[in-house]
Structures are given as C-alpha cells and as structure tokens.
Amino acid sequence: MSQLRITGGIFKGRNIALPDTGEARFTSSKVREALFHILGDVKGARVLDLFAGSGSFTIEALSRGASSATCVEMDRNAARILKKNIASLSLNSCCHVLVTDVVYAIPFLYKKASLYDIVFMDPPYERGYIGVVMSLLERYKVYNDDTPIVLEHSKRETLTSEDTGKWHTWRSRRYGDTVITVLSAGQLLSKGALNEEEGGSLSGVL
C-alpha cells in the first residue's frame, strides 16, 4: 500500500496510507507545504474537508494545530483508509468522517448549524464539480465571512464567474499541473486570515 508523509506539526514525518486506486489523486507534500504557508497559523481552526480521500489535508491541519475536522468522502474504500489513518494517529475524538456525497453532506451540516474556519476541496479534476459545490456553499452557509475556501484543481480548469459566483478570489497559484485557488465570502485580509506574504518561492515550489 502506498503512503504519504505529513510535512509539518506534531505528526511531521509520519506516514499515512493511501487507497489503492488508479483514479484517486493525492496532493504532493510540496503542494501541501505551499498551501499551509498561504494559510498561515491554523491553530484552533475548525476544518471542513470535501472529497477528503486519504485525509492528507485534514491530518496535516490537525497536526499543525487545527482543533477539529469534518471529512466528507463518498468512496467507501477511500473512507475506510481515511478512518484507519485517523485512528492510527489517535485523532478520532477531533475528526468526524461522513461517508456520503458532498451534495448531501453540505445541507446536512447546514442543518446541524456547523460553522467552519477553513473549507478545503479537492474534487476529481475536470468533471465540473467545482461549480456545483460552490453553488451549494453559497446556498448553505457552513462558514464564516472570512473563512478561506481552498480549491485544488487542474491547470486545465479555468474558473468562470459561474463557478465562483459571489466569491472573492484572494489568491491563485500554480504548482505543475495543480492550481490552488483561495476564495472567500468576505474580505480575508480585513482579519488577516491568510499569510500576507506573496512569497515568490511559492510559485517555484514544484
């Protein structure tokens, strides 16, 4: 079974398992390092991880001090590996896994009055998921106005106004085939929600 290494925090250097599937993609360690440089201090943050896969983003965030996380993963094999990774690091008490489609999970969390400080989503590339999910997030507010909405997508996917709707685009960075775009419902910089450094080294991470 393939493994992925955590890049920072209390679990830095620990490996987590990856699902054995030809379709799944996994965020490289260099992209994760760049992403958390952009996000800055995540201590105490409540995280929503959509299309969570193996849980690498969630575990990285919890390792770096996030207080809790909700992971949404529809694929049962991936969810099984995700739960195994969480248990192996004794994170069961602060991480909840929903084995369901994102389109059902978001309204469910809204009804529970869940609010998150960081929303991350890494859907399958080039399948039109981003616009659908952003529309759901616009309808069901499970975040604060200054919550960064972090999208990982292919460089071949150009986000249109139909995809992003009312959202403010705070930053977009390309790393090889991967693009990280950060959106928000309000003005992120007003509360210093993200690292303000442009960090020229970020664009050259890969």
N, C-alpha and C. Protein backbone atom coordinates (compact mmCIF):
# COMPACT_ATOMS: atom_id res chain seq x y z
N MET A 1 0.85 -1.20 0.00
CA MET A 1 0.00 0.00 0.00
C MET A 1 0.88 1.25 0.00
N SER A 2 0.53 2.21 -0.85
CA SER A 2 1.28 3.45 -0.94
C SER A 2 1.07 4.29 0.31
N GLN A 3 2.03 5.19 0.55
CA GLN A 3 1.95 6.05 1.73
C GLN A 3 2.30 7.49 1.37
N LEU A 4 1.86 8.39 2.24
CA LEU A 4 2.11 9.81 2.08
C LEU A 4 2.63 10.35 3.40
N ARG A 5 3.59 11.25 3.35
CA ARG A 5 4.22 11.77 4.57
C ARG A 5 3.64 13.12 4.97
N ILE A 6 3.38 13.29 6.26
CA ILE A 6 2.92 14.56 6.80
C ILE A 6 4.11 15.51 6.88
N THR A 7 3.89 16.78 6.49
CA THR A 7 5.02 17.70 6.31
C THR A 7 5.26 18.65 7.47
N GLY A 8 4.30 18.79 8.41
CA GLY A 8 4.51 19.75 9.49
C GLY A 8 3.71 19.43 10.72
N GLY A 9 4.05 20.10 11.82
CA GLY A 9 3.30 19.93 13.06
C GLY A 9 3.73 18.72 13.88
N ILE A 10 2.86 18.30 14.79
CA ILE A 10 3.23 17.25 15.74
C ILE A 10 3.38 15.89 15.08
N PHE A 11 2.79 15.70 13.90
CA PHE A 11 2.91 14.42 13.19
C PHE A 11 3.88 14.50 12.02
N LYS A 12 4.69 15.55 11.97
CA LYS A 12 5.64 15.70 10.87
C LYS A 12 6.51 14.46 10.74
N GLY A 13 6.61 13.95 9.51
CA GLY A 13 7.41 12.77 9.25
C GLY A 13 6.65 11.47 9.34
N ARG A 14 5.44 11.50 9.91
CA ARG A 14 4.62 10.29 9.99
C ARG A 14 4.00 10.01 8.63
N ASN A 15 3.81 8.74 8.33
CA ASN A 15 3.21 8.34 7.07
C ASN A 15 1.75 7.96 7.25
N ILE A 16 0.93 8.26 6.26
CA ILE A 16 -0.45 7.80 6.25
C ILE A 16 -0.66 6.96 4.99
N ALA A 17 -1.62 6.05 5.07
CA ALA A 17 -1.88 5.14 3.95
C ALA A 17 -2.70 5.82 2.87
N LEU A 18 -2.53 5.35 1.64
CA LEU A 18 -3.29 5.84 0.50
C LEU A 18 -4.13 4.71 -0.07
N PRO A 19 -5.33 5.00 -0.55
CA PRO A 19 -6.15 3.96 -1.18
C PRO A 19 -5.47 3.43 -2.44
N ASP A 20 -5.60 2.14 -2.67
CA ASP A 20 -5.05 1.53 -3.88
C ASP A 20 -6.09 1.65 -4.99
N THR A 21 -6.05 2.77 -5.67
CA THR A 21 -6.99 3.01 -6.77
C THR A 21 -6.30 3.81 -7.83
N GLY A 22 -6.63 3.52 -9.07
CA GLY A 22 -6.00 4.22 -10.18
C GLY A 22 -6.58 5.59 -10.44
N GLU A 23 -7.77 5.88 -9.88
CA GLU A 23 -8.45 7.13 -10.18
C GLU A 23 -8.12 8.25 -9.21
N ALA A 24 -7.77 7.89 -7.98
CA ALA A 24 -7.56 8.92 -6.96
C ALA A 24 -6.25 9.67 -7.21
N ARG A 25 -6.24 10.97 -6.87
CA ARG A 25 -5.03 11.77 -6.89
C ARG A 25 -4.69 12.16 -5.47
N PHE A 26 -3.44 12.43 -5.24
CA PHE A 26 -3.04 12.78 -3.89
C PHE A 26 -2.17 14.03 -3.94
N THR A 27 -2.50 14.98 -3.08
CA THR A 27 -1.78 16.25 -3.04
C THR A 27 -0.35 16.02 -2.59
N SER A 28 0.60 16.43 -3.40
CA SER A 28 2.00 16.20 -3.08
C SER A 28 2.42 16.97 -1.83
N SER A 29 3.49 16.50 -1.21
CA SER A 29 3.96 17.15 0.02
C SER A 29 4.36 18.59 -0.25
N LYS A 30 4.93 18.86 -1.41
CA LYS A 30 5.36 20.23 -1.72
C LYS A 30 4.16 21.16 -1.90
N VAL A 31 3.09 20.67 -2.51
CA VAL A 31 1.89 21.49 -2.64
C VAL A 31 1.26 21.73 -1.28
N ARG A 32 1.23 20.70 -0.42
CA ARG A 32 0.68 20.88 0.92
C ARG A 32 1.49 21.89 1.73
N GLU A 33 2.80 21.82 1.62
CA GLU A 33 3.64 22.80 2.32
C GLU A 33 3.34 24.22 1.84
N ALA A 34 3.22 24.38 0.53
CA ALA A 34 2.92 25.71 -0.02
C ALA A 34 1.55 26.18 0.44
N LEU A 35 0.59 25.27 0.45
CA LEU A 35 -0.77 25.63 0.86
C LEU A 35 -0.82 26.10 2.30
N PHE A 36 -0.14 25.39 3.19
CA PHE A 36 -0.17 25.80 4.60
C PHE A 36 0.67 27.04 4.85
N HIS A 37 1.63 27.31 3.98
CA HIS A 37 2.33 28.59 4.06
C HIS A 37 1.35 29.73 3.75
N ILE A 38 0.50 29.51 2.75
CA ILE A 38 -0.50 30.52 2.39
C ILE A 38 -1.51 30.70 3.53
N LEU A 39 -1.98 29.60 4.10
CA LEU A 39 -3.00 29.67 5.15
C LEU A 39 -2.45 30.27 6.44
N GLY A 40 -1.17 30.07 6.68
CA GLY A 40 -0.58 30.61 7.92
C GLY A 40 -0.98 29.79 9.13
N ASP A 41 -1.18 30.45 10.25
CA ASP A 41 -1.49 29.79 11.52
C ASP A 41 -2.90 29.21 11.49
N VAL A 42 -3.02 27.89 11.66
CA VAL A 42 -4.34 27.25 11.65
C VAL A 42 -4.72 26.76 13.05
N LYS A 43 -3.99 27.18 14.06
CA LYS A 43 -4.27 26.71 15.43
C LYS A 43 -5.71 27.07 15.83
N GLY A 44 -6.42 26.06 16.33
CA GLY A 44 -7.79 26.26 16.79
C GLY A 44 -8.84 26.25 15.71
N ALA A 45 -8.44 26.10 14.45
CA ALA A 45 -9.39 26.18 13.34
C ALA A 45 -10.26 24.92 13.25
N ARG A 46 -11.49 25.14 12.82
CA ARG A 46 -12.41 24.04 12.52
C ARG A 46 -12.40 23.85 11.01
N VAL A 47 -12.12 22.64 10.56
CA VAL A 47 -11.84 22.36 9.15
C VAL A 47 -12.95 21.50 8.54
N LEU A 48 -13.36 21.87 7.33
CA LEU A 48 -14.24 21.03 6.52
C LEU A 48 -13.47 20.59 5.29
N ASP A 49 -13.32 19.29 5.13
CA ASP A 49 -12.53 18.71 4.04
C ASP A 49 -13.47 17.94 3.12
N LEU A 50 -13.76 18.52 1.95
CA LEU A 50 -14.66 17.90 0.98
C LEU A 50 -13.85 17.10 -0.04
N PHE A 51 -14.36 15.93 -0.42
CA PHE A 51 -13.61 15.00 -1.27
C PHE A 51 -12.30 14.65 -0.55
N ALA A 52 -12.42 14.18 0.68
CA ALA A 52 -11.27 14.10 1.59
C ALA A 52 -10.25 13.04 1.22
N GLY A 53 -10.64 12.00 0.48
CA GLY A 53 -9.68 10.97 0.11
C GLY A 53 -9.04 10.31 1.31
N SER A 54 -7.72 10.28 1.34
CA SER A 54 -6.98 9.65 2.44
C SER A 54 -6.95 10.52 3.69
N GLY A 55 -7.38 11.79 3.56
CA GLY A 55 -7.37 12.70 4.70
C GLY A 55 -6.08 13.46 4.88
N SER A 56 -5.27 13.56 3.84
CA SER A 56 -3.96 14.20 3.99
C SER A 56 -4.09 15.67 4.40
N PHE A 57 -5.06 16.40 3.81
CA PHE A 57 -5.22 17.81 4.19
C PHE A 57 -5.69 17.91 5.64
N THR A 58 -6.70 17.13 6.00
CA THR A 58 -7.23 17.16 7.37
C THR A 58 -6.16 16.83 8.39
N ILE A 59 -5.43 15.75 8.16
CA ILE A 59 -4.41 15.33 9.12
C ILE A 59 -3.28 16.35 9.20
N GLU A 60 -2.93 16.93 8.06
CA GLU A 60 -1.91 17.99 8.05
C GLU A 60 -2.39 19.17 8.90
N ALA A 61 -3.67 19.54 8.75
CA ALA A 61 -4.21 20.67 9.50
C ALA A 61 -4.26 20.37 11.00
N LEU A 62 -4.71 19.18 11.36
CA LEU A 62 -4.76 18.80 12.77
C LEU A 62 -3.36 18.71 13.36
N SER A 63 -2.42 18.22 12.57
CA SER A 63 -1.03 18.15 13.01
C SER A 63 -0.48 19.53 13.33
N ARG A 64 -0.95 20.53 12.58
CA ARG A 64 -0.47 21.90 12.75
C ARG A 64 -1.32 22.72 13.72
N GLY A 65 -2.26 22.08 14.41
CA GLY A 65 -2.96 22.76 15.49
C GLY A 65 -4.43 23.03 15.31
N ALA A 66 -5.02 22.64 14.16
CA ALA A 66 -6.47 22.80 14.00
C ALA A 66 -7.18 22.01 15.09
N SER A 67 -8.32 22.52 15.55
CA SER A 67 -8.99 21.90 16.70
C SER A 67 -9.88 20.73 16.34
N SER A 68 -10.48 20.76 15.15
CA SER A 68 -11.39 19.69 14.76
C SER A 68 -11.55 19.68 13.25
N ALA A 69 -12.08 18.57 12.74
CA ALA A 69 -12.28 18.46 11.29
C ALA A 69 -13.46 17.55 10.99
N THR A 70 -14.14 17.88 9.90
CA THR A 70 -15.17 17.02 9.33
C THR A 70 -14.72 16.66 7.93
N CYS A 71 -14.63 15.36 7.65
CA CYS A 71 -14.20 14.88 6.34
C CYS A 71 -15.39 14.29 5.60
N VAL A 72 -15.54 14.62 4.34
CA VAL A 72 -16.61 14.06 3.52
C VAL A 72 -15.96 13.27 2.38
N GLU A 73 -16.27 11.99 2.32
CA GLU A 73 -15.71 11.12 1.29
C GLU A 73 -16.75 10.06 0.91
N MET A 74 -17.12 10.02 -0.35
CA MET A 74 -18.17 9.12 -0.81
C MET A 74 -17.65 7.70 -1.09
N ASP A 75 -16.42 7.59 -1.57
CA ASP A 75 -15.86 6.28 -1.91
C ASP A 75 -15.60 5.48 -0.64
N ARG A 76 -16.20 4.31 -0.54
CA ARG A 76 -16.12 3.54 0.70
C ARG A 76 -14.72 3.02 0.98
N ASN A 77 -13.99 2.66 -0.06
CA ASN A 77 -12.62 2.20 0.15
C ASN A 77 -11.74 3.34 0.66
N ALA A 78 -11.86 4.51 0.03
CA ALA A 78 -11.09 5.67 0.48
C ALA A 78 -11.47 6.05 1.90
N ALA A 79 -12.78 5.99 2.21
CA ALA A 79 -13.24 6.33 3.56
C ALA A 79 -12.70 5.35 4.59
N ARG A 80 -12.59 4.09 4.20
CA ARG A 80 -12.03 3.09 5.12
C ARG A 80 -10.57 3.42 5.45
N ILE A 81 -9.80 3.77 4.42
CA ILE A 81 -8.40 4.14 4.63
C ILE A 81 -8.31 5.42 5.45
N LEU A 82 -9.19 6.37 5.16
CA LEU A 82 -9.23 7.63 5.90
C LEU A 82 -9.45 7.37 7.39
N LYS A 83 -10.43 6.55 7.71
CA LYS A 83 -10.71 6.23 9.11
C LYS A 83 -9.52 5.52 9.76
N LYS A 84 -8.87 4.66 9.00
CA LYS A 84 -7.68 3.96 9.51
C LYS A 84 -6.57 4.96 9.83
N ASN A 85 -6.36 5.92 8.94
CA ASN A 85 -5.32 6.94 9.17
C ASN A 85 -5.62 7.77 10.41
N ILE A 86 -6.88 8.14 10.57
CA ILE A 86 -7.28 8.93 11.74
C ILE A 86 -7.06 8.15 13.02
N ALA A 87 -7.45 6.88 13.01
CA ALA A 87 -7.29 6.04 14.20
C ALA A 87 -5.82 5.81 14.53
N SER A 88 -4.98 5.67 13.49
CA SER A 88 -3.56 5.39 13.73
C SER A 88 -2.85 6.54 14.43
N LEU A 89 -3.42 7.74 14.32
CA LEU A 89 -2.84 8.93 14.96
C LEU A 89 -3.66 9.39 16.16
N SER A 90 -4.61 8.54 16.56
CA SER A 90 -5.47 8.82 17.74
C SER A 90 -6.20 10.15 17.60
N LEU A 91 -6.77 10.37 16.42
CA LEU A 91 -7.48 11.62 16.14
C LEU A 91 -9.00 11.45 16.10
N ASN A 92 -9.48 10.29 16.52
CA ASN A 92 -10.92 10.01 16.43
C ASN A 92 -11.78 11.04 17.16
N SER A 93 -11.27 11.55 18.28
CA SER A 93 -12.08 12.47 19.09
C SER A 93 -12.27 13.84 18.45
N CYS A 94 -11.40 14.20 17.50
CA CYS A 94 -11.49 15.54 16.90
C CYS A 94 -11.75 15.50 15.40
N CYS A 95 -11.98 14.31 14.86
CA CYS A 95 -12.20 14.21 13.41
C CYS A 95 -13.38 13.29 13.13
N HIS A 96 -14.36 13.81 12.40
CA HIS A 96 -15.57 13.06 12.07
C HIS A 96 -15.61 12.82 10.57
N VAL A 97 -15.93 11.59 10.17
CA VAL A 97 -15.98 11.23 8.75
C VAL A 97 -17.42 10.98 8.33
N LEU A 98 -17.84 11.66 7.27
CA LEU A 98 -19.16 11.43 6.67
C LEU A 98 -18.94 10.67 5.36
N VAL A 99 -19.45 9.44 5.30
CA VAL A 99 -19.31 8.64 4.08
C VAL A 99 -20.56 8.88 3.23
N THR A 100 -20.51 9.92 2.46
CA THR A 100 -21.66 10.32 1.64
C THR A 100 -21.19 11.28 0.56
N ASP A 101 -22.09 11.59 -0.35
CA ASP A 101 -21.80 12.55 -1.41
C ASP A 101 -21.77 13.96 -0.83
N VAL A 102 -20.88 14.77 -1.34
CA VAL A 102 -20.76 16.16 -0.90
C VAL A 102 -22.09 16.91 -1.05
N VAL A 103 -22.85 16.60 -2.09
CA VAL A 103 -24.11 17.33 -2.33
C VAL A 103 -25.14 17.06 -1.23
N TYR A 104 -25.00 15.94 -0.52
CA TYR A 104 -25.87 15.67 0.62
C TYR A 104 -25.24 16.16 1.93
N ALA A 105 -23.93 16.11 1.99
CA ALA A 105 -23.24 16.46 3.23
C ALA A 105 -23.39 17.94 3.58
N ILE A 106 -23.29 18.81 2.58
CA ILE A 106 -23.33 20.25 2.86
C ILE A 106 -24.67 20.68 3.45
N PRO A 107 -25.82 20.30 2.87
CA PRO A 107 -27.10 20.64 3.51
C PRO A 107 -27.26 20.02 4.89
N PHE A 108 -26.74 18.80 5.07
CA PHE A 108 -26.80 18.13 6.37
C PHE A 108 -26.04 18.92 7.42
N LEU A 109 -24.84 19.37 7.09
CA LEU A 109 -24.04 20.15 8.04
C LEU A 109 -24.68 21.50 8.32
N TYR A 110 -25.31 22.08 7.31
CA TYR A 110 -26.01 23.35 7.50
C TYR A 110 -27.15 23.19 8.51
N LYS A 111 -27.89 22.11 8.39
CA LYS A 111 -29.00 21.87 9.32
C LYS A 111 -28.50 21.65 10.75
N LYS A 112 -27.27 21.18 10.87
CA LYS A 112 -26.67 20.99 12.20
C LYS A 112 -26.04 22.27 12.72
N ALA A 113 -26.16 23.35 11.97
CA ALA A 113 -25.59 24.66 12.34
C ALA A 113 -24.08 24.60 12.49
N SER A 114 -23.44 23.78 11.65
CA SER A 114 -21.98 23.67 11.68
C SER A 114 -21.35 24.87 10.98
N LEU A 115 -20.30 25.42 11.60
CA LEU A 115 -19.55 26.52 11.00
C LEU A 115 -18.07 26.17 11.00
N TYR A 116 -17.41 26.44 9.88
CA TYR A 116 -16.01 26.07 9.73
C TYR A 116 -15.14 27.29 9.43
N ASP A 117 -13.89 27.21 9.90
CA ASP A 117 -12.93 28.30 9.70
C ASP A 117 -12.11 28.13 8.43
N ILE A 118 -12.01 26.90 7.94
CA ILE A 118 -11.32 26.59 6.68
C ILE A 118 -12.14 25.54 5.95
N VAL A 119 -12.41 25.77 4.67
CA VAL A 119 -13.06 24.77 3.83
C VAL A 119 -12.10 24.41 2.71
N PHE A 120 -11.83 23.13 2.57
CA PHE A 120 -10.90 22.66 1.54
C PHE A 120 -11.64 21.67 0.65
N MET A 121 -11.43 21.78 -0.66
CA MET A 121 -11.99 20.76 -1.53
C MET A 121 -11.05 20.44 -2.68
N ASP A 122 -10.93 19.14 -2.92
CA ASP A 122 -10.05 18.63 -3.96
C ASP A 122 -10.84 17.60 -4.77
N PRO A 123 -11.79 18.07 -5.60
CA PRO A 123 -12.62 17.14 -6.36
C PRO A 123 -11.86 16.52 -7.51
N PRO A 124 -12.39 15.44 -8.09
CA PRO A 124 -11.77 14.89 -9.31
C PRO A 124 -11.61 15.99 -10.36
N TYR A 125 -10.47 15.99 -11.00
CA TYR A 125 -10.17 17.04 -11.97
C TYR A 125 -11.10 16.99 -13.18
N GLU A 126 -11.48 18.17 -13.65
CA GLU A 126 -12.14 18.36 -14.94
C GLU A 126 -13.45 17.60 -15.09
N ARG A 127 -14.22 17.55 -14.01
CA ARG A 127 -15.53 16.88 -14.09
C ARG A 127 -16.68 17.80 -13.71
N GLY A 128 -16.40 19.09 -13.57
CA GLY A 128 -17.47 20.04 -13.33
C GLY A 128 -17.99 20.11 -11.92
N TYR A 129 -17.24 19.55 -10.96
CA TYR A 129 -17.72 19.54 -9.58
C TYR A 129 -17.64 20.91 -8.91
N ILE A 130 -16.67 21.71 -9.30
CA ILE A 130 -16.41 22.95 -8.57
C ILE A 130 -17.63 23.88 -8.58
N GLY A 131 -18.20 24.11 -9.75
CA GLY A 131 -19.36 24.99 -9.84
C GLY A 131 -20.53 24.49 -9.02
N VAL A 132 -20.76 23.17 -9.05
CA VAL A 132 -21.86 22.57 -8.28
C VAL A 132 -21.65 22.78 -6.79
N VAL A 133 -20.45 22.51 -6.31
CA VAL A 133 -20.18 22.61 -4.87
C VAL A 133 -20.19 24.07 -4.42
N MET A 134 -19.63 24.97 -5.22
CA MET A 134 -19.64 26.38 -4.84
C MET A 134 -21.06 26.92 -4.77
N SER A 135 -21.93 26.46 -5.65
CA SER A 135 -23.34 26.87 -5.59
C SER A 135 -23.99 26.38 -4.30
N LEU A 136 -23.66 25.15 -3.90
CA LEU A 136 -24.19 24.61 -2.65
C LEU A 136 -23.68 25.41 -1.46
N LEU A 137 -22.40 25.77 -1.48
CA LEU A 137 -21.84 26.54 -0.38
C LEU A 137 -22.44 27.95 -0.32
N GLU A 138 -22.79 28.47 -1.48
CA GLU A 138 -23.43 29.79 -1.49
C GLU A 138 -24.83 29.71 -0.87
N ARG A 139 -25.50 28.59 -1.10
CA ARG A 139 -26.86 28.41 -0.57
C ARG A 139 -26.86 28.03 0.90
N TYR A 140 -25.91 27.17 1.28
CA TYR A 140 -25.86 26.66 2.65
C TYR A 140 -24.59 27.18 3.32
N LYS A 141 -24.73 28.16 4.16
CA LYS A 141 -23.56 28.83 4.75
C LYS A 141 -23.05 28.04 5.95
N VAL A 142 -22.00 27.28 5.72
CA VAL A 142 -21.39 26.49 6.79
C VAL A 142 -20.00 27.05 7.13
N TYR A 143 -19.83 28.34 6.98
CA TYR A 143 -18.53 29.00 7.11
C TYR A 143 -18.77 30.43 7.59
N ASN A 144 -17.70 31.08 8.01
CA ASN A 144 -17.74 32.49 8.38
C ASN A 144 -17.42 33.35 7.15
N ASP A 145 -17.68 34.64 7.24
CA ASP A 145 -17.40 35.51 6.10
C ASP A 145 -15.92 35.53 5.73
N ASP A 146 -15.05 35.36 6.72
CA ASP A 146 -13.62 35.39 6.43
C ASP A 146 -13.00 34.00 6.34
N THR A 147 -13.84 32.98 6.19
CA THR A 147 -13.33 31.62 6.02
C THR A 147 -12.70 31.45 4.64
N PRO A 148 -11.44 31.03 4.55
CA PRO A 148 -10.88 30.73 3.23
C PRO A 148 -11.48 29.44 2.66
N ILE A 149 -11.94 29.52 1.43
CA ILE A 149 -12.43 28.35 0.69
C ILE A 149 -11.31 27.97 -0.26
N VAL A 150 -10.65 26.86 0.01
CA VAL A 150 -9.45 26.47 -0.73
C VAL A 150 -9.82 25.41 -1.76
N LEU A 151 -9.56 25.71 -3.03
CA LEU A 151 -9.84 24.77 -4.11
C LEU A 151 -8.54 24.25 -4.69
N GLU A 152 -8.45 22.95 -4.85
CA GLU A 152 -7.35 22.36 -5.59
C GLU A 152 -7.92 21.84 -6.91
N HIS A 153 -7.37 22.31 -8.02
CA HIS A 153 -7.92 21.93 -9.31
C HIS A 153 -6.83 21.88 -10.37
N SER A 154 -7.18 21.36 -11.53
CA SER A 154 -6.23 21.22 -12.62
C SER A 154 -5.94 22.57 -13.28
N LYS A 155 -4.74 22.71 -13.80
CA LYS A 155 -4.40 23.93 -14.54
C LYS A 155 -5.26 24.06 -15.80
N ARG A 156 -5.87 22.94 -16.23
CA ARG A 156 -6.72 22.97 -17.42
C ARG A 156 -8.15 23.40 -17.10
N GLU A 157 -8.45 23.60 -15.81
CA GLU A 157 -9.77 24.07 -15.40
C GLU A 157 -9.69 25.57 -15.10
N THR A 158 -10.29 26.37 -15.94
CA THR A 158 -10.36 27.81 -15.72
C THR A 158 -11.66 28.12 -14.98
N LEU A 159 -11.54 28.71 -13.81
CA LEU A 159 -12.73 29.02 -13.02
C LEU A 159 -13.44 30.22 -13.63
N THR A 160 -14.71 30.04 -13.94
CA THR A 160 -15.51 31.12 -14.53
C THR A 160 -16.34 31.79 -13.45
N SER A 161 -17.01 32.88 -13.83
CA SER A 161 -17.89 33.56 -12.88
C SER A 161 -19.04 32.66 -12.46
N GLU A 162 -19.42 31.71 -13.32
CA GLU A 162 -20.46 30.76 -12.95
C GLU A 162 -19.98 29.83 -11.85
N ASP A 163 -18.69 29.50 -11.87
CA ASP A 163 -18.11 28.65 -10.83
C ASP A 163 -17.98 29.39 -9.51
N THR A 164 -17.49 30.61 -9.57
CA THR A 164 -17.14 31.33 -8.34
C THR A 164 -18.27 32.21 -7.80
N GLY A 165 -19.26 32.54 -8.65
CA GLY A 165 -20.42 33.29 -8.18
C GLY A 165 -20.04 34.57 -7.44
N LYS A 166 -20.53 34.71 -6.21
CA LYS A 166 -20.31 35.92 -5.41
C LYS A 166 -18.94 35.94 -4.73
N TRP A 167 -18.18 34.87 -4.86
CA TRP A 167 -16.97 34.70 -4.06
C TRP A 167 -15.86 35.63 -4.51
N HIS A 168 -15.10 36.10 -3.52
CA HIS A 168 -13.90 36.90 -3.79
C HIS A 168 -12.73 35.95 -4.02
N THR A 169 -11.97 36.16 -5.09
CA THR A 169 -10.76 35.37 -5.31
C THR A 169 -9.60 36.07 -4.63
N TRP A 170 -9.03 35.43 -3.62
CA TRP A 170 -7.95 36.05 -2.88
C TRP A 170 -6.59 35.73 -3.47
N ARG A 171 -6.42 34.49 -3.90
CA ARG A 171 -5.12 34.11 -4.43
C ARG A 171 -5.26 32.86 -5.30
N SER A 172 -4.45 32.77 -6.33
CA SER A 172 -4.40 31.58 -7.16
C SER A 172 -2.94 31.32 -7.52
N ARG A 173 -2.49 30.10 -7.26
CA ARG A 173 -1.09 29.74 -7.51
C ARG A 173 -1.02 28.39 -8.22
N ARG A 174 -0.13 28.29 -9.18
CA ARG A 174 0.03 27.06 -9.94
C ARG A 174 1.29 26.33 -9.50
N TYR A 175 1.16 25.01 -9.34
CA TYR A 175 2.29 24.14 -8.98
C TYR A 175 2.25 22.94 -9.92
N GLY A 176 2.99 23.01 -11.03
CA GLY A 176 2.93 21.94 -12.00
C GLY A 176 1.55 21.86 -12.62
N ASP A 177 0.91 20.69 -12.54
CA ASP A 177 -0.43 20.50 -13.09
C ASP A 177 -1.52 21.00 -12.14
N THR A 178 -1.13 21.31 -10.91
CA THR A 178 -2.09 21.66 -9.86
C THR A 178 -2.19 23.16 -9.66
N VAL A 179 -3.41 23.65 -9.46
CA VAL A 179 -3.64 25.05 -9.11
C VAL A 179 -4.35 25.10 -7.77
N ILE A 180 -3.86 25.95 -6.87
CA ILE A 180 -4.53 26.22 -5.61
C ILE A 180 -5.17 27.60 -5.71
N THR A 181 -6.49 27.65 -5.57
CA THR A 181 -7.21 28.92 -5.60
C THR A 181 -7.90 29.12 -4.26
N VAL A 182 -7.74 30.29 -3.68
CA VAL A 182 -8.35 30.60 -2.38
C VAL A 182 -9.44 31.65 -2.59
N LEU A 183 -10.66 31.31 -2.20
CA LEU A 183 -11.81 32.20 -2.29
C LEU A 183 -12.32 32.51 -0.89
N SER A 184 -13.19 33.52 -0.81
CA SER A 184 -13.87 33.79 0.46
C SER A 184 -15.18 34.51 0.18
N ALA A 185 -16.10 34.43 1.15
CA ALA A 185 -17.37 35.14 1.02
C ALA A 185 -17.21 36.61 1.34
N GLY A 186 -16.21 36.94 2.17
CA GLY A 186 -15.94 38.32 2.56
C GLY A 186 -14.52 38.69 2.24
N GLN A 187 -14.00 39.69 2.95
CA GLN A 187 -12.64 40.16 2.72
C GLN A 187 -11.70 39.49 3.71
N LEU A 188 -10.90 38.55 3.22
CA LEU A 188 -10.00 37.81 4.09
C LEU A 188 -8.99 38.71 4.78
N LEU A 189 -8.44 39.64 4.05
CA LEU A 189 -7.34 40.43 4.59
C LEU A 189 -7.77 41.34 5.73
N SER A 190 -9.07 41.60 5.84
CA SER A 190 -9.53 42.50 6.89
C SER A 190 -9.25 41.93 8.27
N LYS A 191 -9.16 40.61 8.37
CA LYS A 191 -8.88 39.99 9.65
C LYS A 191 -7.55 39.23 9.64
N GLY A 192 -6.79 39.45 8.57
CA GLY A 192 -5.51 38.78 8.49
C GLY A 192 -5.64 37.27 8.47
N ALA A 193 -6.66 36.77 7.77
CA ALA A 193 -6.94 35.35 7.81
C ALA A 193 -5.87 34.52 7.12
N LEU A 194 -5.15 35.12 6.17
CA LEU A 194 -4.14 34.37 5.45
C LEU A 194 -2.79 35.07 5.56
N ASN A 195 -1.76 34.30 5.27
CA ASN A 195 -0.41 34.85 5.23
C ASN A 195 -0.35 35.91 4.14
N GLU A 196 0.03 37.13 4.49
CA GLU A 196 0.00 38.23 3.53
C GLU A 196 1.21 38.23 2.61
N GLU A 197 2.23 37.44 2.92
CA GLU A 197 3.42 37.45 2.08
C GLU A 197 3.11 36.82 0.74
N GLU A 198 3.47 37.50 -0.33
CA GLU A 198 3.30 36.91 -1.64
C GLU A 198 4.22 35.72 -1.82
N GLY A 199 5.41 35.82 -1.20
CA GLY A 199 6.31 34.67 -1.17
C GLY A 199 6.64 34.15 -2.55
N GLY A 200 7.55 34.81 -3.25
CA GLY A 200 7.91 34.38 -4.59
C GLY A 200 8.31 32.93 -4.64
N SER A 201 8.82 32.39 -3.53
CA SER A 201 9.23 31.00 -3.52
C SER A 201 8.06 30.06 -3.69
N LEU A 202 6.85 30.53 -3.39
CA LEU A 202 5.68 29.66 -3.51
C LEU A 202 5.47 29.20 -4.93
N SER A 203 5.57 30.13 -5.88
CA SER A 203 5.30 29.76 -7.26
C SER A 203 6.37 28.84 -7.81
N GLY A 204 7.48 28.74 -7.11
CA GLY A 204 8.54 27.87 -7.58
C GLY A 204 8.71 26.63 -6.73
N VAL A 205 7.66 26.27 -5.99
CA VAL A 205 7.79 25.13 -5.10
C VAL A 205 7.99 23.84 -5.86
N LEU A 206 7.29 23.68 -6.98
CA LEU A 206 7.44 22.45 -7.75
C LEU A 206 8.31 22.70 -8.97
